[in-house]
Amino acid sequence: MTQKKHNQAERRTLWAIYKGIEPRHRILLGMGFMGFSMLGLWVSDRLEEAYPPTADNRVTRVSHSDTAYVERSK
């Protein structure tokens, strides 16, 4: 019987597993992901300030105004 319960748990979708978590824990999990994302943005900004791009690896802007458009006949 434990084998059958184990197989049923494996077949649950990620959404079903997420919905099975208590609402309080889902909120905390979401806030944790948002905090981790904000920390990543903050760290990347600090790294960009600490290590400014040199002329060798600086991205040049590409102008798309020279793009050719072809009219199609109907």
Protein backbone atom coordinates (compact mmCIF):
# COMPACT_ATOMS: atom_id res chain seq x y z
CA MET A 1 0.00 0.00 0.00
CA THR A 2 2.84 2.40 0.69
CA GLN A 3 4.17 1.73 -2.80
CA LYS A 4 0.85 2.84 -4.32
CA LYS A 5 0.82 6.08 -2.30
CA HIS A 6 4.40 6.75 -3.34
CA ASN A 7 3.54 6.35 -7.05
CA GLN A 8 0.56 8.71 -6.74
CA ALA A 9 2.76 11.38 -5.17
CA GLU A 10 5.19 11.15 -8.08
CA ARG A 11 2.44 11.81 -10.62
CA ARG A 12 1.40 15.16 -9.14
CA THR A 13 2.14 18.18 -11.26
CA LEU A 14 4.30 21.02 -10.02
CA TRP A 15 1.20 23.22 -9.78
CA ALA A 16 -0.60 20.60 -7.66
CA ILE A 17 2.39 20.35 -5.34
CA TYR A 18 2.51 24.13 -5.04
CA LYS A 19 -1.22 24.34 -4.32
CA GLY A 20 -0.76 21.65 -1.64
CA ILE A 21 1.50 23.94 0.38
CA GLU A 22 -0.14 26.02 3.10
CA PRO A 23 -1.09 29.52 1.89
CA ARG A 24 1.18 31.14 4.50
CA HIS A 25 4.14 29.13 3.24
CA ARG A 26 3.30 29.93 -0.39
CA ILE A 27 3.37 33.65 0.48
CA LEU A 28 6.70 33.24 2.26
CA LEU A 29 8.10 31.28 -0.67
CA GLY A 30 7.01 33.98 -3.13
CA MET A 31 8.47 36.71 -0.95
CA GLY A 32 11.71 34.74 -0.74
CA PHE A 33 11.92 34.52 -4.54
CA MET A 34 11.23 38.25 -4.88
CA GLY A 35 13.87 39.04 -2.26
CA PHE A 36 16.40 36.83 -4.01
CA SER A 37 15.65 38.57 -7.33
CA MET A 38 16.00 42.03 -5.79
CA LEU A 39 19.29 41.01 -4.20
CA GLY A 40 20.54 39.82 -7.59
CA LEU A 41 19.64 43.14 -9.21
CA TRP A 42 21.34 45.06 -6.39
CA VAL A 43 24.51 42.95 -6.59
CA SER A 44 24.70 43.29 -10.37
CA ASP A 45 24.44 47.08 -10.07
CA ARG A 46 27.24 47.14 -7.47
CA LEU A 47 29.42 44.92 -9.65
CA GLU A 48 28.81 47.17 -12.64
CA GLU A 49 29.91 50.18 -10.57
CA ALA A 50 32.98 48.36 -9.23
CA TYR A 51 34.07 47.02 -12.63
CA PRO A 52 33.09 49.56 -15.29
CA PRO A 53 33.24 48.32 -18.88
CA THR A 54 36.41 49.03 -20.81
CA ALA A 55 36.53 50.22 -24.41
CA ASP A 56 37.26 46.65 -25.53
CA ASN A 57 34.11 45.05 -24.13
CA ARG A 58 31.69 47.99 -24.25
CA VAL A 59 28.50 47.30 -26.16
CA THR A 60 27.96 49.60 -29.09
CA ARG A 61 24.46 50.73 -29.91
CA VAL A 62 22.96 49.30 -33.06
CA SER A 63 20.76 51.52 -35.13
CA HIS A 64 17.75 49.84 -36.67
CA SER A 65 16.86 52.85 -38.79
CA ASP A 66 18.76 51.34 -41.73
CA THR A 67 16.48 48.31 -41.79
CA ALA A 68 15.00 47.69 -45.23
CA TYR A 69 11.29 46.98 -45.49
CA VAL A 70 9.87 45.06 -48.41
CA GLU A 71 6.28 45.68 -49.41
CA ARG A 72 4.36 42.57 -50.29
CA SER A 73 1.79 42.55 -53.03
CA LYS A 74 -1.67 41.30 -52.11
